[in-house]
Structure formats: C-alpha cells, structure tokens
N, C-alpha and C. Protein backbone atom coordinates (compact mmCIF):
# COMPACT_ATOMS: atom_id res chain seq x y z
N MET A 1 0.83 -1.15 0.00
CA MET A 1 0.00 0.00 0.00
C MET A 1 0.89 1.23 0.00
N THR A 2 0.42 2.27 -0.69
CA THR A 2 1.20 3.50 -0.82
C THR A 2 0.31 4.71 -0.59
N LEU A 3 0.87 5.68 0.11
CA LEU A 3 0.24 6.98 0.26
C LEU A 3 1.01 7.95 -0.61
N VAL A 4 0.34 8.55 -1.58
CA VAL A 4 0.93 9.60 -2.40
C VAL A 4 0.62 10.90 -1.69
N SER A 5 1.66 11.63 -1.33
CA SER A 5 1.52 12.74 -0.40
C SER A 5 2.34 13.95 -0.87
N ARG A 6 2.26 15.01 -0.10
CA ARG A 6 3.00 16.24 -0.38
C ARG A 6 3.40 16.85 0.96
N VAL A 7 4.55 17.49 0.98
CA VAL A 7 5.03 18.19 2.16
C VAL A 7 4.12 19.38 2.45
N ASP A 8 3.90 19.67 3.71
CA ASP A 8 3.08 20.80 4.16
C ASP A 8 1.63 20.71 3.68
N CYS A 9 1.09 19.51 3.69
CA CYS A 9 -0.30 19.28 3.28
C CYS A 9 -1.04 18.71 4.49
N HIS A 10 -1.96 19.49 5.04
CA HIS A 10 -2.69 19.06 6.23
C HIS A 10 -3.46 17.76 5.99
N ALA A 11 -4.15 17.66 4.86
CA ALA A 11 -4.91 16.44 4.56
C ALA A 11 -3.98 15.24 4.44
N CYS A 12 -2.78 15.46 3.90
CA CYS A 12 -1.80 14.37 3.77
C CYS A 12 -1.33 13.92 5.15
N GLU A 13 -1.11 14.87 6.04
CA GLU A 13 -0.69 14.54 7.40
C GLU A 13 -1.76 13.72 8.12
N GLN A 14 -3.02 14.09 7.92
CA GLN A 14 -4.11 13.35 8.54
C GLN A 14 -4.21 11.94 7.97
N ALA A 15 -4.08 11.82 6.65
CA ALA A 15 -4.14 10.50 6.00
C ALA A 15 -2.98 9.63 6.49
N ARG A 16 -1.81 10.23 6.64
CA ARG A 16 -0.66 9.47 7.14
C ARG A 16 -0.91 8.95 8.55
N ALA A 17 -1.47 9.78 9.41
CA ALA A 17 -1.78 9.35 10.78
C ALA A 17 -2.81 8.22 10.77
N ASP A 18 -3.83 8.35 9.92
CA ASP A 18 -4.85 7.29 9.81
C ASP A 18 -4.22 5.99 9.33
N LEU A 19 -3.35 6.07 8.32
CA LEU A 19 -2.73 4.86 7.78
C LEU A 19 -1.77 4.23 8.78
N GLU A 20 -1.05 5.05 9.52
CA GLU A 20 -0.16 4.51 10.55
C GLU A 20 -0.95 3.67 11.54
N ARG A 21 -2.09 4.18 11.95
CA ARG A 21 -2.92 3.48 12.93
C ARG A 21 -3.54 2.22 12.32
N ILE A 22 -4.20 2.36 11.17
CA ILE A 22 -4.91 1.24 10.55
C ILE A 22 -3.95 0.14 10.11
N CYS A 23 -2.90 0.53 9.40
CA CYS A 23 -1.95 -0.48 8.91
C CYS A 23 -1.16 -1.09 10.06
N GLY A 24 -0.93 -0.32 11.09
CA GLY A 24 -0.28 -0.87 12.27
C GLY A 24 -1.12 -1.94 12.93
N GLU A 25 -2.42 -1.66 13.05
CA GLU A 25 -3.33 -2.65 13.65
C GLU A 25 -3.42 -3.91 12.80
N LEU A 26 -3.44 -3.73 11.47
CA LEU A 26 -3.60 -4.87 10.56
C LEU A 26 -2.27 -5.48 10.13
N GLU A 27 -1.17 -4.89 10.59
CA GLU A 27 0.17 -5.34 10.23
C GLU A 27 0.38 -5.38 8.73
N VAL A 28 -0.06 -4.32 8.06
CA VAL A 28 0.09 -4.18 6.61
C VAL A 28 1.22 -3.20 6.33
N PRO A 29 2.22 -3.61 5.54
CA PRO A 29 3.30 -2.67 5.21
C PRO A 29 2.80 -1.61 4.24
N TRP A 30 3.37 -0.43 4.37
CA TRP A 30 2.98 0.67 3.48
C TRP A 30 4.14 1.64 3.38
N ASP A 31 4.07 2.50 2.36
CA ASP A 31 5.10 3.51 2.19
C ASP A 31 4.47 4.81 1.72
N VAL A 32 5.28 5.84 1.69
CA VAL A 32 4.84 7.17 1.28
C VAL A 32 5.68 7.61 0.09
N GLN A 33 5.03 8.15 -0.93
CA GLN A 33 5.73 8.72 -2.07
C GLN A 33 5.34 10.18 -2.20
N ASP A 34 6.34 11.02 -2.39
CA ASP A 34 6.12 12.46 -2.54
C ASP A 34 5.72 12.77 -3.97
N VAL A 35 4.52 13.29 -4.15
CA VAL A 35 4.00 13.59 -5.48
C VAL A 35 4.87 14.61 -6.22
N ASP A 36 5.51 15.50 -5.48
CA ASP A 36 6.30 16.55 -6.10
C ASP A 36 7.70 16.11 -6.52
N SER A 37 8.13 14.92 -6.13
CA SER A 37 9.46 14.46 -6.48
C SER A 37 9.44 13.48 -7.65
N ASP A 38 8.27 13.23 -8.22
CA ASP A 38 8.14 12.27 -9.30
C ASP A 38 7.22 12.85 -10.38
N ARG A 39 7.76 13.05 -11.57
CA ARG A 39 6.98 13.67 -12.66
C ARG A 39 5.71 12.90 -12.98
N GLU A 40 5.82 11.56 -13.03
CA GLU A 40 4.66 10.75 -13.37
C GLU A 40 3.57 10.87 -12.31
N LEU A 41 3.96 10.83 -11.05
CA LEU A 41 2.96 10.99 -9.98
C LEU A 41 2.33 12.37 -10.04
N ARG A 42 3.14 13.40 -10.26
CA ARG A 42 2.62 14.76 -10.32
C ARG A 42 1.65 14.91 -11.48
N ALA A 43 1.98 14.31 -12.64
CA ALA A 43 1.10 14.38 -13.80
C ALA A 43 -0.21 13.65 -13.54
N GLU A 44 -0.13 12.53 -12.84
CA GLU A 44 -1.32 11.72 -12.58
C GLU A 44 -2.21 12.31 -11.48
N TYR A 45 -1.59 12.76 -10.39
CA TYR A 45 -2.38 13.14 -9.21
C TYR A 45 -2.38 14.64 -8.91
N GLY A 46 -1.37 15.38 -9.36
CA GLY A 46 -1.33 16.82 -9.19
C GLY A 46 -1.77 17.31 -7.83
N ASP A 47 -2.86 18.04 -7.78
CA ASP A 47 -3.37 18.60 -6.53
C ASP A 47 -4.39 17.71 -5.84
N ARG A 48 -4.55 16.49 -6.31
CA ARG A 48 -5.57 15.59 -5.77
C ARG A 48 -4.98 14.69 -4.69
N VAL A 49 -4.08 15.22 -3.90
CA VAL A 49 -3.46 14.44 -2.83
C VAL A 49 -4.12 14.75 -1.50
N PRO A 50 -4.07 13.84 -0.57
CA PRO A 50 -3.44 12.54 -0.60
C PRO A 50 -4.22 11.53 -1.43
N VAL A 51 -3.47 10.59 -2.00
CA VAL A 51 -4.06 9.49 -2.76
C VAL A 51 -3.58 8.19 -2.13
N ILE A 52 -4.47 7.25 -1.98
CA ILE A 52 -4.13 5.94 -1.41
C ILE A 52 -4.16 4.92 -2.53
N LEU A 53 -3.05 4.20 -2.68
CA LEU A 53 -2.95 3.14 -3.68
C LEU A 53 -2.90 1.80 -2.95
N VAL A 54 -3.74 0.88 -3.36
CA VAL A 54 -3.73 -0.48 -2.82
C VAL A 54 -3.37 -1.40 -3.97
N ASP A 55 -2.29 -2.14 -3.80
CA ASP A 55 -1.76 -3.02 -4.86
C ASP A 55 -1.54 -2.24 -6.15
N GLY A 56 -1.09 -0.99 -6.04
CA GLY A 56 -0.75 -0.17 -7.19
C GLY A 56 -1.93 0.52 -7.86
N ALA A 57 -3.15 0.23 -7.43
CA ALA A 57 -4.34 0.83 -8.02
C ALA A 57 -4.91 1.88 -7.08
N GLU A 58 -5.45 2.94 -7.66
CA GLU A 58 -6.02 4.00 -6.84
C GLU A 58 -7.21 3.48 -6.05
N HIS A 59 -7.14 3.67 -4.75
CA HIS A 59 -8.22 3.22 -3.86
C HIS A 59 -9.09 4.40 -3.43
N GLY A 60 -8.47 5.56 -3.22
CA GLY A 60 -9.21 6.73 -2.79
C GLY A 60 -8.30 7.93 -2.70
N TYR A 61 -8.91 9.09 -2.48
CA TYR A 61 -8.13 10.31 -2.36
C TYR A 61 -8.83 11.31 -1.45
N TRP A 62 -8.04 12.28 -0.99
CA TRP A 62 -8.42 13.36 -0.11
C TRP A 62 -8.64 12.95 1.34
N SER A 63 -9.19 11.78 1.59
CA SER A 63 -9.35 11.33 2.97
C SER A 63 -9.41 9.80 3.00
N VAL A 64 -9.15 9.25 4.16
CA VAL A 64 -9.18 7.79 4.34
C VAL A 64 -10.59 7.37 4.72
N GLU A 65 -11.17 6.50 3.92
CA GLU A 65 -12.46 5.91 4.26
C GLU A 65 -12.14 4.60 4.99
N GLU A 66 -12.11 4.68 6.31
CA GLU A 66 -11.57 3.60 7.11
C GLU A 66 -12.23 2.24 6.87
N ASP A 67 -13.54 2.15 6.90
CA ASP A 67 -14.20 0.86 6.71
C ASP A 67 -13.88 0.26 5.34
N ARG A 68 -13.90 1.12 4.33
CA ARG A 68 -13.61 0.67 2.96
C ARG A 68 -12.16 0.20 2.83
N LEU A 69 -11.25 0.94 3.45
CA LEU A 69 -9.84 0.58 3.39
C LEU A 69 -9.60 -0.74 4.13
N ARG A 70 -10.17 -0.89 5.31
CA ARG A 70 -10.00 -2.14 6.05
C ARG A 70 -10.52 -3.33 5.24
N ALA A 71 -11.64 -3.16 4.55
CA ALA A 71 -12.18 -4.24 3.72
C ALA A 71 -11.22 -4.56 2.58
N ALA A 72 -10.62 -3.56 1.99
CA ALA A 72 -9.70 -3.79 0.87
C ALA A 72 -8.42 -4.48 1.33
N LEU A 73 -8.03 -4.25 2.56
CA LEU A 73 -6.79 -4.83 3.09
C LEU A 73 -6.99 -6.19 3.73
N ALA A 74 -8.25 -6.58 3.93
CA ALA A 74 -8.54 -7.87 4.60
C ALA A 74 -8.28 -9.05 3.68
C-alpha cells in the first residue's frame, strides 16, 4: 500500500496518521511517495493528494475511508 503525499499538506498529514494506525493494527506494510518528487505521480495526481494506492491501483483520495480501506486490506 502506498500513500501519495505532499510536504506541508494538512490532509496528507491526517491521512498518514490514519494509515499509521490502521496499517499498524492490521500489520500491513505501506510507504509514502512524494507527489512533487516524481513527474509521473505529479502528472497523474497533481493537486488531488493525498491518494491511497492499494496493490498499485487508486483506492481513494483526499481522505481515508476507514471501513472501505479495512475491507480492501482484509
């Protein structure tokens, strides 16, 4: 699982905190990619961050839908 994020983004910080908690509870590994350091990510997601990718596919953006995410990770 990947969080596509940006520095100094309040929504990204909230999504990161949510993912730390949820993935920690479920013992699911995850990482963070900075949208501004990758041309392809910036072209794809631009200002639509945070974006959550599950198995490389877009799962959601702007906020974490906890029940939906837990179901996708189960």
